[in-house]
Amino acid sequence: MLPPDLGRDAGEPQLSVAAVARRLGIAPATLRTWDRRYGIGPTEHTPGRHRRYSAEDVARLELMQHALMRGVSPADAARHAQAARLPGPATDPPAPFPAVAAITGAVSMRARLSSGTEQDMADEVGDPLLAGIDGYGDIGVRVRVGGRLLRLPGAGRRARGLGRAALALDATMVGKLLGEAIAAVGVVATWDDVARPVLSAVADRWACTGAGVEIEHLVSECVIAVFGAHAAAAPSTGDIRPVLLAAMPDEQHTLPIVVLAASLADRGVACRSLGSNLPADALIAAIRRTAPAAVVLWSQLPASADVEVLRSLPRTRSRFRLFVAGPGWVDVALPSRTGRLDSLGKASETVSAAVLI
């Protein structure tokens, strides 16, 4: 017997709105909005019947979600998803990118290389990359995974080293390279020039092949661990009122919040990160309890960029500055006295200037 979410009269499995929403990690209302506004929905929708999504429909929705996560406007993301050439038929659409998951293991790239034959090495040798980086500078290797390369045109040597460690699922080396980069060039440059190019390249690879979600999970978990440890190691800021960092209700992505906390810690700003999917009433309670100097609310996708939440925030005796950040807010008209943060560098500078007065 077929599960209730699967159609019976089509030549392939058909998913309901609720099933697709769960797969993508978004609200069902968001799917209906994308269909109504941008024409990206079920190709076989019959008026008067429930929407049913094919594997191809879901793949295009995932492409749109991926583009939105990289800051593309909803209209442009929909056009990109509709025009993209999808991989050949598959029994199941690719997993949503990125999803929240733990690292399941790591494989040492150096052990893999040392056990390979001379022909194996010849098959994988590419341009010399990253000379001088421990463990990845002595052999110019471009790792192949599923016949694809992780392409990083124009990236610096640290990003290329991180990319190769990521493809090898070498979590130890990924963490080491991130830590060394922070020590050498700082939090902002490490995020902008090292981590982000690799995450974007993994996302591009996923968009083309449907593979590589495990790489994104590993790099994201390492970023959270390394940047989080950097923030935790910052000296105490004494009596300075804290900055609250949180993801909007229904927003699951928190990676940029972790990075912002590390950058603010370098500037002597105390942060309290409240994580993902913070309910509005919990946010209000936290504001009243901590009397923050500023509040930064992250929205990755338009569905979570709810201005009513902003309007519901309480007025405290010691006024706080309110900021929003993330691509979800791009096309949203904000209430007065609400600042918009467009980049990590600007966010660090603007928030610290508002707090350290």
Protein backbone atom coordinates (compact mmCIF):
# COMPACT_ATOMS: atom_id res chain seq x y z
CA MET A 1 0.00 0.00 0.00
CA LEU A 2 1.29 3.43 -0.90
CA PRO A 3 1.81 5.99 1.86
CA PRO A 4 -0.94 8.64 1.93
CA ASP A 5 1.47 11.31 0.64
CA LEU A 6 2.12 9.44 -2.59
CA GLY A 7 -0.12 9.61 -5.60
CA ARG A 8 -1.51 6.52 -7.32
CA ASP A 9 -2.52 7.73 -10.71
CA ALA A 10 0.80 9.16 -11.92
CA GLY A 11 3.76 7.40 -13.42
CA GLU A 12 5.99 8.44 -10.51
CA PRO A 13 5.57 9.21 -6.80
CA GLN A 14 3.61 12.39 -6.14
CA LEU A 15 4.11 14.32 -2.92
CA SER A 16 1.57 16.49 -1.13
CA VAL A 17 2.21 20.10 -0.12
CA ALA A 18 2.79 19.01 3.49
CA ALA A 19 5.28 16.31 2.48
CA VAL A 20 7.26 18.68 0.27
CA ALA A 21 7.26 21.36 2.98
CA ARG A 22 8.69 18.84 5.45
CA ARG A 23 11.33 17.78 2.93
CA LEU A 24 12.44 21.38 2.31
CA GLY A 25 12.05 22.52 5.91
CA ILE A 26 9.69 25.39 5.05
CA ALA A 27 6.06 26.24 5.73
CA PRO A 28 3.34 24.89 3.40
CA ALA A 29 2.15 28.47 2.93
CA THR A 30 5.55 29.30 1.42
CA LEU A 31 5.09 26.64 -1.25
CA ARG A 32 1.69 28.05 -2.16
CA THR A 33 3.16 31.56 -2.33
CA TRP A 34 5.95 30.42 -4.64
CA ASP A 35 3.39 28.77 -6.89
CA ARG A 36 1.07 31.78 -6.92
CA ARG A 37 3.67 34.54 -7.26
CA TYR A 38 6.43 32.91 -9.28
CA GLY A 39 4.77 30.01 -11.07
CA ILE A 40 7.03 27.37 -9.53
CA GLY A 41 4.77 24.61 -8.32
CA PRO A 42 3.28 21.26 -9.31
CA THR A 43 3.32 20.85 -13.08
CA GLU A 44 0.24 18.63 -13.08
CA HIS A 45 -1.96 20.62 -10.71
CA THR A 46 -5.65 20.22 -11.54
CA PRO A 47 -8.05 22.95 -10.31
CA GLY A 48 -10.23 21.67 -7.49
CA ARG A 49 -7.72 18.99 -6.46
CA HIS A 50 -4.89 19.00 -3.96
CA ARG A 51 -1.47 19.96 -5.28
CA ARG A 52 0.82 17.00 -5.98
CA TYR A 53 4.52 17.44 -6.66
CA SER A 54 6.63 15.16 -8.85
CA ALA A 55 10.31 14.43 -8.25
CA GLU A 56 11.20 17.03 -10.89
CA ASP A 57 8.94 19.61 -9.23
CA VAL A 58 10.70 19.02 -5.89
CA ALA A 59 14.14 19.23 -7.50
CA ARG A 60 13.28 22.64 -8.95
CA LEU A 61 11.95 23.84 -5.61
CA GLU A 62 15.22 22.78 -4.01
CA LEU A 63 17.14 24.73 -6.65
CA MET A 64 15.05 27.79 -5.82
CA GLN A 65 15.64 27.32 -2.10
CA HIS A 66 19.37 26.96 -2.71
CA ALA A 67 19.44 30.20 -4.72
CA LEU A 68 17.51 32.04 -2.01
CA MET A 69 20.03 30.86 0.57
CA ARG A 70 22.76 32.53 -1.47
CA GLY A 71 20.94 35.88 -1.42
CA VAL A 72 19.18 35.77 -4.80
CA SER A 73 15.79 37.51 -4.96
CA PRO A 74 12.76 35.19 -5.02
CA ALA A 75 11.84 36.13 -8.60
CA ASP A 76 15.37 35.50 -9.89
CA ALA A 77 15.64 32.28 -7.86
CA ALA A 78 12.42 31.00 -9.43
CA ARG A 79 13.61 31.86 -12.94
CA HIS A 80 16.90 30.08 -12.26
CA ALA A 81 15.12 26.96 -10.97
CA GLN A 82 12.70 26.83 -13.90
CA ALA A 83 15.45 27.27 -16.50
CA ALA A 84 17.96 24.85 -14.96
CA ARG A 85 18.71 21.52 -16.57
CA LEU A 86 18.09 18.78 -14.04
CA PRO A 87 20.02 15.52 -13.75
CA GLY A 88 18.53 12.39 -15.32
CA PRO A 89 15.59 10.50 -13.79
CA ALA A 90 16.07 9.37 -10.23
CA THR A 91 14.06 7.29 -7.86
CA ASP A 92 13.96 10.03 -5.29
CA PRO A 93 14.71 13.77 -5.43
CA PRO A 94 17.89 14.97 -3.74
CA ALA A 95 17.81 15.82 -0.06
CA PRO A 96 17.12 19.48 0.77
CA PHE A 97 20.24 21.65 0.85
CA PRO A 98 21.37 22.45 3.39
CA ALA A 99 19.65 20.41 6.11
CA VAL A 100 20.45 20.25 9.80
CA ALA A 101 22.48 17.11 10.56
CA ALA A 102 25.44 15.98 12.61
CA ILE A 103 28.78 14.90 11.23
CA THR A 104 28.66 11.14 10.78
CA GLY A 105 32.37 10.56 10.33
CA ALA A 106 35.56 11.78 8.70
CA VAL A 107 38.03 10.19 6.30
CA SER A 108 41.67 11.24 6.26
CA MET A 109 42.67 12.48 2.84
CA ARG A 110 46.33 11.82 3.56
CA ALA A 111 45.63 8.19 4.49
CA ARG A 112 43.60 7.81 1.32
CA LEU A 113 46.42 9.17 -0.81
CA SER A 114 49.12 7.12 0.90
CA SER A 115 47.21 3.88 0.24
CA GLY A 116 46.51 4.62 -3.43
CA THR A 117 48.39 3.23 -6.42
CA GLU A 118 50.53 5.37 -8.70
CA GLN A 119 47.77 5.27 -11.31
CA ASP A 120 45.21 6.36 -8.72
CA MET A 121 47.42 9.33 -7.94
CA ALA A 122 47.85 10.17 -11.60
CA ASP A 123 44.10 10.13 -12.11
CA GLU A 124 43.61 12.70 -9.36
CA VAL A 125 46.52 15.08 -9.85
CA GLY A 126 45.48 18.53 -11.01
CA ASP A 127 47.02 21.97 -10.79
CA PRO A 128 49.39 22.49 -7.84
CA LEU A 129 47.31 23.93 -5.03
CA LEU A 130 48.05 25.32 -1.62
CA ALA A 131 51.80 24.99 -1.34
CA GLY A 132 52.89 25.34 2.26
CA ILE A 133 49.67 24.25 3.99
CA ASP A 134 50.42 21.32 6.28
CA GLY A 135 49.15 18.05 4.88
CA TYR A 136 47.77 19.57 1.69
CA GLY A 137 50.67 21.52 0.24
CA ASP A 138 53.10 18.79 -0.63
CA ILE A 139 50.99 17.03 -3.26
CA GLY A 140 48.97 18.99 -5.81
CA VAL A 141 45.74 17.03 -5.73
CA ARG A 142 42.29 17.94 -6.87
CA VAL A 143 39.96 15.43 -5.28
CA ARG A 144 37.31 13.78 -7.46
CA VAL A 145 34.01 12.78 -5.90
CA GLY A 146 31.53 11.12 -8.21
CA GLY A 147 33.54 12.31 -11.21
CA ARG A 148 33.10 15.98 -10.21
CA LEU A 149 35.48 18.58 -8.87
CA LEU A 150 34.88 21.26 -6.31
CA ARG A 151 35.55 24.35 -8.40
CA LEU A 152 36.90 27.45 -6.67
CA PRO A 153 37.90 29.88 -9.45
CA GLY A 154 39.71 32.90 -8.08
CA ALA A 155 39.79 31.55 -4.52
CA GLY A 156 42.88 31.97 -2.38
CA ARG A 157 45.14 29.23 -1.12
CA ARG A 158 43.33 28.89 2.21
CA ALA A 159 39.96 28.38 0.52
CA ARG A 160 41.43 25.81 -1.85
CA GLY A 161 42.98 23.90 1.02
CA LEU A 162 39.71 23.98 2.91
CA GLY A 163 37.88 22.78 -0.19
CA ARG A 164 40.13 19.76 -0.56
CA ALA A 165 39.84 18.89 3.12
CA ALA A 166 36.05 19.23 2.85
CA LEU A 167 35.84 16.92 -0.17
CA ALA A 168 37.88 14.34 1.74
CA LEU A 169 35.48 14.70 4.70
CA ASP A 170 38.53 15.37 6.86
CA ALA A 171 36.86 17.21 9.73
CA THR A 172 40.11 17.50 11.70
CA MET A 173 41.85 19.31 8.88
CA VAL A 174 38.83 21.50 8.11
CA GLY A 175 38.80 22.66 11.72
CA LYS A 176 42.56 23.20 11.75
CA LEU A 177 42.52 25.27 8.56
CA LEU A 178 39.65 27.43 9.82
CA GLY A 179 41.44 28.03 13.13
CA GLU A 180 44.68 28.94 11.39
CA ALA A 181 42.86 31.33 9.08
CA ILE A 182 41.15 33.11 11.97
CA ALA A 183 44.48 33.52 13.73
CA ALA A 184 46.11 34.84 10.56
CA VAL A 185 43.49 37.08 8.95
CA GLY A 186 40.63 37.39 11.44
CA VAL A 187 37.02 36.26 11.64
CA VAL A 188 35.54 38.39 8.86
CA ALA A 189 38.19 37.53 6.26
CA THR A 190 38.05 33.83 7.20
CA TRP A 191 34.31 33.78 6.64
CA ASP A 192 34.26 35.91 3.48
CA ASP A 193 37.38 34.57 1.77
CA VAL A 194 37.78 31.02 3.09
CA ALA A 195 34.57 29.43 4.41
CA ARG A 196 31.96 31.08 2.22
CA PRO A 197 33.65 30.32 -1.12
CA VAL A 198 33.85 26.65 -0.16
CA LEU A 199 30.23 26.49 0.99
CA SER A 200 29.14 28.25 -2.21
CA ALA A 201 31.17 25.82 -4.33
CA VAL A 202 29.62 22.85 -2.55
CA ALA A 203 26.19 24.39 -3.13
CA ASP A 204 26.95 24.84 -6.83
CA ARG A 205 28.07 21.23 -7.07
CA TRP A 206 24.89 20.08 -5.36
CA ALA A 207 22.77 22.19 -7.72
CA CYS A 208 24.41 20.52 -10.73
CA THR A 209 24.64 16.95 -9.48
CA GLY A 210 22.36 16.50 -6.48
CA ALA A 211 25.41 15.27 -4.52
CA GLY A 212 27.50 16.73 -1.73
CA VAL A 213 25.05 17.50 1.09
CA GLU A 214 27.30 15.54 3.48
CA ILE A 215 30.16 17.91 2.60
CA GLU A 216 28.07 20.96 3.41
CA HIS A 217 27.01 19.40 6.72
CA LEU A 218 30.60 18.69 7.72
CA VAL A 219 31.89 22.17 6.81
CA SER A 220 28.95 23.85 8.54
CA GLU A 221 29.46 21.84 11.73
CA CYS A 222 33.17 22.68 11.71
CA VAL A 223 32.42 26.39 11.17
CA ILE A 224 30.03 26.32 14.13
CA ALA A 225 32.60 24.57 16.32
CA VAL A 226 35.60 26.74 15.40
CA PHE A 227 33.89 30.13 15.30
CA GLY A 228 31.89 29.26 18.42
CA ALA A 229 35.05 28.35 20.31
CA HIS A 230 36.67 31.60 19.17
CA ALA A 231 33.75 33.61 20.54
CA ALA A 232 33.76 31.68 23.80
CA ALA A 233 37.47 32.35 24.30
CA ALA A 234 37.06 36.12 24.04
CA PRO A 235 37.78 38.09 27.24
CA SER A 236 34.85 39.00 29.47
CA THR A 237 33.22 42.29 28.57
CA GLY A 238 32.20 43.22 32.11
CA ASP A 239 29.08 45.33 32.49
CA ILE A 240 28.42 45.98 28.79
CA ARG A 241 24.81 45.19 27.89
CA PRO A 242 24.63 42.15 25.63
CA VAL A 243 23.50 41.76 22.05
CA LEU A 244 20.83 39.12 21.44
CA LEU A 245 21.28 37.08 18.27
CA ALA A 246 18.47 34.81 17.10
CA ALA A 247 16.88 33.25 14.05
CA MET A 248 13.30 34.20 13.33
CA PRO A 249 10.41 31.84 14.12
CA ASP A 250 10.39 28.95 11.60
CA GLU A 251 13.97 29.79 10.55
CA GLN A 252 16.34 26.83 10.97
CA HIS A 253 19.59 28.35 9.68
CA THR A 254 21.95 29.83 12.26
CA LEU A 255 25.43 29.57 10.74
CA PRO A 256 25.76 33.34 10.07
CA ILE A 257 24.71 34.09 13.66
CA VAL A 258 27.60 31.99 14.98
CA VAL A 259 30.04 33.84 12.73
CA LEU A 260 28.65 37.25 13.71
CA ALA A 261 28.99 36.38 17.40
CA ALA A 262 32.66 35.54 16.86
CA SER A 263 33.26 38.80 15.00
CA LEU A 264 31.52 40.87 17.68
CA ALA A 265 33.46 39.07 20.39
CA ASP A 266 36.68 40.32 18.77
CA ARG A 267 35.33 43.85 19.15
CA GLY A 268 34.54 43.37 22.83
CA VAL A 269 30.78 43.00 22.37
CA ALA A 270 29.01 40.45 24.57
CA CYS A 271 26.56 38.26 22.63
CA ARG A 272 23.92 35.80 23.65
CA SER A 273 22.88 33.51 20.82
CA LEU A 274 19.39 32.09 21.14
CA GLY A 275 19.59 29.69 18.22
CA SER A 276 17.16 28.74 15.48
CA ASN A 277 13.39 28.93 15.23
CA LEU A 278 12.95 31.14 18.28
CA PRO A 279 9.24 31.69 19.03
CA ALA A 280 8.18 35.33 19.25
CA ASP A 281 7.06 35.02 22.87
CA ALA A 282 10.43 33.53 23.84
CA LEU A 283 12.22 36.40 22.10
CA ILE A 284 10.07 38.93 23.97
CA ALA A 285 10.82 37.20 27.29
CA ALA A 286 14.55 37.21 26.56
CA ILE A 287 14.49 40.94 25.75
CA ARG A 288 12.70 41.79 28.98
CA ARG A 289 15.02 39.58 31.02
CA THR A 290 18.36 40.72 29.61
CA ALA A 291 17.75 44.40 28.68
CA PRO A 292 19.97 44.04 25.61
CA ALA A 293 21.79 46.86 23.89
CA ALA A 294 20.81 45.45 20.50
CA VAL A 295 18.85 42.61 18.92
CA VAL A 296 19.80 41.00 15.60
CA LEU A 297 17.25 38.73 13.93
CA TRP A 298 18.30 36.43 11.09
CA SER A 299 16.06 35.29 8.22
CA GLN A 300 17.46 33.04 5.52
CA LEU A 301 14.23 32.59 3.56
CA PRO A 302 11.41 35.07 2.86
CA ALA A 303 8.86 32.87 4.63
CA SER A 304 10.46 33.60 8.01
CA ALA A 305 10.87 37.37 7.50
CA ASP A 306 7.78 38.39 9.48
CA VAL A 307 7.56 42.10 10.21
CA GLU A 308 4.76 41.49 12.73
CA VAL A 309 7.32 39.85 14.98
CA LEU A 310 9.42 43.02 14.79
CA ARG A 311 6.41 45.18 15.67
CA SER A 312 5.56 42.95 18.64
CA LEU A 313 8.88 43.48 20.42
CA PRO A 314 8.53 45.31 23.74
CA ARG A 315 9.84 48.74 24.60
CA THR A 316 12.28 48.48 27.46
CA ARG A 317 13.37 51.12 29.93
CA SER A 318 16.85 51.01 28.39
CA ARG A 319 16.12 51.23 24.68
CA PHE A 320 17.72 48.67 22.38
CA ARG A 321 18.67 48.87 18.72
CA LEU A 322 16.89 46.42 16.42
CA PHE A 323 18.60 44.98 13.34
CA VAL A 324 17.63 42.38 10.76
CA ALA A 325 20.04 40.37 8.63
CA GLY A 326 19.88 37.72 5.96
CA PRO A 327 18.50 37.33 2.41
CA GLY A 328 14.99 36.70 3.69
CA TRP A 329 14.63 40.42 4.47
CA VAL A 330 15.77 41.69 1.07
CA ASP A 331 12.36 42.68 -0.32
CA VAL A 332 10.68 43.41 3.02
CA ALA A 333 9.63 46.92 4.05
CA LEU A 334 10.92 47.30 7.59
CA PRO A 335 9.35 49.22 10.48
CA SER A 336 10.96 52.52 11.41
CA ARG A 337 14.08 52.38 13.57
CA THR A 338 14.93 48.91 12.26
CA GLY A 339 18.40 48.62 10.73
CA ARG A 340 19.30 46.28 7.87
CA LEU A 341 22.68 44.50 7.94
CA ASP A 342 23.90 43.48 4.49
CA SER A 343 27.29 41.86 5.17
CA LEU A 344 29.30 40.42 8.02
CA GLY A 345 31.77 43.28 8.02
CA LYS A 346 29.02 45.90 8.06
CA ALA A 347 27.11 44.00 10.71
CA SER A 348 30.11 43.83 13.03
CA GLU A 349 30.92 47.50 12.55
CA THR A 350 27.33 48.76 12.85
CA VAL A 351 26.32 46.68 15.85
CA SER A 352 29.51 47.36 17.80
CA ALA A 353 29.18 51.10 17.09
CA ALA A 354 25.62 51.02 18.44
CA VAL A 355 26.61 49.12 21.58
CA LEU A 356 30.02 50.50 22.52
CA ILE A 357 29.05 54.12 23.11
